[in-house]
């Protein structure tokens, strides 16, 4: 599983050792407010976080792409995740992101999303990447738009009515900001 470095971030594969740090992030009801699973009851945070981690790790093993842990380079602190995931009951690949509340409104989700899109188009050779959110999640919609995705339709995924954004490889414009693979040779 490759790692990616951007100007401010390191996207690294999750390990089970990330459980405690991720649980702190996911225990915040505001962070989980627009998640398909909603806020996690405090007594279930560790259990649900472990399920999420195991899902992300398995997705990488099965598909050769997935969701990375997002680490702030300056502090080496885990601040959330971003990456690529199959939409449920669909062959489509979505880009998703979730950050600790302390890192909202700083362009970090956009930076991580652009890196994930680049990986999806350049390395995985995907033809299209989508993103979804509930219509009222304006901040998430802005991230999608800043990353180059465009609204296409209203849809239904994860038992939610969502807005569906998409970007084709042909329409994608690579970002010239700092981006490199770290520690792994890609074939």
Protein backbone atom coordinates (compact mmCIF):
# COMPACT_ATOMS: atom_id res chain seq x y z
CA UNK A 1 0.00 0.00 0.00
CA UNK A 2 1.62 3.22 -1.11
CA UNK A 3 1.97 6.34 0.97
CA UNK A 4 1.45 9.79 -0.48
CA UNK A 5 2.97 13.02 0.70
CA UNK A 6 1.43 16.41 -0.06
CA UNK A 7 2.41 19.88 1.08
CA UNK A 8 0.98 19.45 4.58
CA UNK A 9 -0.08 15.82 4.76
CA UNK A 10 1.06 12.24 4.68
CA UNK A 11 -1.51 9.71 3.55
CA UNK A 12 -0.49 6.34 4.95
CA UNK A 13 -2.11 2.94 5.19
CA UNK A 14 -4.17 2.44 8.32
CA UNK A 15 -3.08 -0.20 10.80
CA UNK A 16 -4.93 -1.56 13.81
CA UNK A 17 -2.48 0.53 15.89
CA UNK A 18 -4.41 3.62 14.75
CA UNK A 19 -7.49 2.47 16.69
CA UNK A 20 -7.18 4.76 19.72
CA UNK A 21 -6.36 7.92 17.75
CA UNK A 22 -9.14 7.31 15.24
CA UNK A 23 -11.62 6.50 18.01
CA UNK A 24 -11.04 9.95 19.51
CA UNK A 25 -11.88 11.57 16.15
CA UNK A 26 -14.94 9.41 15.50
CA UNK A 27 -16.26 9.87 19.05
CA UNK A 28 -17.06 13.52 18.24
CA UNK A 29 -20.78 13.74 17.30
CA UNK A 30 -20.07 16.75 15.06
CA UNK A 31 -17.49 14.77 13.06
CA UNK A 32 -20.03 11.98 12.57
CA UNK A 33 -23.05 14.24 12.07
CA UNK A 34 -23.33 13.62 8.32
CA UNK A 35 -21.91 10.10 8.34
CA UNK A 36 -24.30 7.41 7.05
CA UNK A 37 -23.97 5.74 10.45
CA UNK A 38 -24.52 8.99 12.34
CA UNK A 39 -22.92 9.83 15.68
CA UNK A 40 -21.55 6.75 17.42
CA UNK A 41 -22.79 6.02 20.96
CA UNK A 42 -19.85 6.55 23.32
CA UNK A 43 -20.01 3.00 24.67
CA UNK A 44 -19.59 1.64 21.11
CA UNK A 45 -16.88 3.97 19.79
CA UNK A 46 -13.97 1.49 20.08
CA UNK A 47 -15.99 -1.37 18.61
CA UNK A 48 -17.29 0.67 15.65
CA UNK A 49 -13.87 2.24 15.04
CA UNK A 50 -12.29 -1.22 14.92
CA UNK A 51 -14.91 -2.33 12.37
CA UNK A 52 -14.16 0.73 10.23
CA UNK A 53 -10.39 0.15 10.42
CA UNK A 54 -10.74 -3.52 9.52
CA UNK A 55 -12.98 -2.59 6.57
CA UNK A 56 -10.45 -0.04 5.27
CA UNK A 57 -7.52 -2.48 5.64
CA UNK A 58 -9.43 -5.28 3.91
CA UNK A 59 -10.56 -2.98 1.07
CA UNK A 60 -6.89 -2.23 0.26
CA UNK A 61 -6.00 -5.94 0.27
CA UNK A 62 -8.91 -6.87 -2.00
CA UNK A 63 -8.86 -3.94 -4.42
CA UNK A 64 -5.38 -2.41 -4.49
CA UNK A 65 -6.75 0.98 -3.42
CA UNK A 66 -8.62 2.33 -0.46
CA UNK A 67 -8.77 4.85 2.35
CA UNK A 68 -5.62 6.27 3.90
CA UNK A 69 -5.00 7.61 7.38
CA UNK A 70 -4.37 11.36 7.03
CA UNK A 71 -1.42 12.49 9.13
CA UNK A 72 -0.38 16.11 9.60
CA UNK A 73 3.29 16.21 8.60
CA UNK A 74 4.22 19.01 11.01
CA UNK A 75 3.04 17.08 14.09
CA UNK A 76 2.86 13.43 12.88
CA UNK A 77 -0.66 13.42 14.32
CA UNK A 78 -3.46 11.33 12.84
CA UNK A 79 -6.16 13.86 11.89
CA UNK A 80 -8.62 11.74 9.92
CA UNK A 81 -8.87 9.80 6.69
CA UNK A 82 -9.37 10.19 2.98
CA UNK A 83 -9.32 7.86 0.02
CA UNK A 84 -11.17 5.68 -2.43
CA UNK A 85 -13.90 3.17 -1.69
CA UNK A 86 -16.47 1.25 -3.70
CA UNK A 87 -19.97 2.64 -3.26
CA UNK A 88 -22.24 -0.03 -1.76
CA UNK A 89 -23.93 -2.31 -4.30
CA UNK A 90 -22.22 -0.45 -7.12
CA UNK A 91 -19.13 -0.73 -9.35
CA UNK A 92 -18.55 3.01 -8.82
CA UNK A 93 -15.64 4.32 -6.74
CA UNK A 94 -16.16 7.21 -4.38
CA UNK A 95 -13.66 9.54 -2.79
CA UNK A 96 -14.43 10.04 0.89
CA UNK A 97 -12.94 12.08 3.71
CA UNK A 98 -13.47 12.66 7.41
CA UNK A 99 -11.30 14.93 9.55
CA UNK A 100 -10.97 15.84 13.19
CA UNK A 101 -13.02 18.98 13.84
CA UNK A 102 -9.89 20.97 14.75
CA UNK A 103 -8.77 20.63 11.10
CA UNK A 104 -11.94 21.82 9.37
CA UNK A 105 -11.98 24.92 7.15
CA UNK A 106 -8.24 24.86 6.41
CA UNK A 107 -8.25 23.27 2.95
CA UNK A 108 -6.94 19.99 4.34
CA UNK A 109 -9.87 17.88 3.12
CA UNK A 110 -9.45 19.39 -0.35
CA UNK A 111 -5.69 18.72 -0.32
CA UNK A 112 -6.23 15.08 0.68
CA UNK A 113 -9.09 14.67 -1.80
CA UNK A 114 -7.00 15.98 -4.69
CA UNK A 115 -4.23 13.53 -3.77
CA UNK A 116 -6.73 10.67 -3.68
CA UNK A 117 -8.18 11.66 -7.05
CA UNK A 118 -4.71 11.82 -8.55
CA UNK A 119 -3.90 8.36 -7.23
CA UNK A 120 -7.22 7.02 -8.55
CA UNK A 121 -6.73 8.42 -12.04
CA UNK A 122 -2.95 8.01 -12.46
CA UNK A 123 -2.26 4.76 -10.61
CA UNK A 124 -5.54 2.84 -10.40
CA UNK A 125 -6.52 4.09 -13.89
CA UNK A 126 -10.13 4.73 -12.90
CA UNK A 127 -12.28 6.33 -15.59
CA UNK A 128 -14.55 8.11 -13.12
CA UNK A 129 -14.59 8.93 -9.41
CA UNK A 130 -17.70 10.07 -7.57
CA UNK A 131 -18.45 11.66 -4.22
CA UNK A 132 -21.69 11.81 -2.28
CA UNK A 133 -23.05 13.67 0.70
CA UNK A 134 -26.37 14.70 2.14
CA UNK A 135 -27.61 17.88 0.44
CA UNK A 136 -27.31 20.07 3.53
CA UNK A 137 -23.61 19.26 4.11
CA UNK A 138 -22.39 22.43 2.42
CA UNK A 139 -18.75 22.15 3.59
CA UNK A 140 -18.42 18.69 2.04
CA UNK A 141 -19.96 19.91 -1.20
CA UNK A 142 -17.40 22.73 -1.31
CA UNK A 143 -14.56 20.22 -0.91
CA UNK A 144 -15.94 18.22 -3.83
CA UNK A 145 -16.22 21.31 -6.00
CA UNK A 146 -12.75 22.64 -5.10
CA UNK A 147 -11.32 19.20 -5.96
CA UNK A 148 -12.94 19.38 -9.40
CA UNK A 149 -15.99 17.16 -8.96
CA UNK A 150 -19.28 18.45 -10.38
CA UNK A 151 -22.85 17.90 -9.27
CA UNK A 152 -24.63 15.38 -11.50
CA UNK A 153 -27.79 14.27 -9.74
CA UNK A 154 -29.65 13.44 -6.59
CA UNK A 155 -29.22 9.78 -5.62
CA UNK A 156 -29.74 7.26 -2.83
CA UNK A 157 -26.82 5.48 -1.13
CA UNK A 158 -26.20 4.21 2.40
CA UNK A 159 -29.98 4.47 2.97
CA UNK A 160 -29.73 8.25 2.54
CA UNK A 161 -30.88 10.76 -0.03
CA UNK A 162 -27.64 12.31 -1.28
CA UNK A 163 -26.20 14.64 -3.87
CA UNK A 164 -23.94 12.85 -6.31
CA UNK A 165 -20.87 14.55 -7.72
CA UNK A 166 -18.52 13.05 -10.30
CA UNK A 167 -15.29 13.62 -12.17
CA UNK A 168 -14.08 11.75 -15.24
CA UNK A 169 -10.43 11.13 -15.97
CA UNK A 170 -10.83 13.18 -19.17
CA UNK A 171 -12.16 16.21 -17.23
CA UNK A 172 -9.67 15.88 -14.36
CA UNK A 173 -6.98 18.53 -14.12
CA UNK A 174 -3.90 17.43 -12.13
CA UNK A 175 -2.95 19.82 -9.36
CA UNK A 176 0.61 21.09 -9.67
CA UNK A 177 1.10 21.40 -5.91
CA UNK A 178 3.56 19.16 -4.08
CA UNK A 179 2.67 15.46 -4.27
CA UNK A 180 4.88 12.37 -4.16
CA UNK A 181 4.82 8.69 -3.36
CA UNK A 182 6.77 7.71 -0.26
CA UNK A 183 8.51 4.42 0.46
CA UNK A 184 6.89 2.24 -2.17
CA UNK A 185 7.55 1.60 -5.82
CA UNK A 186 4.39 1.43 -7.86
CA UNK A 187 4.12 -0.94 -10.77
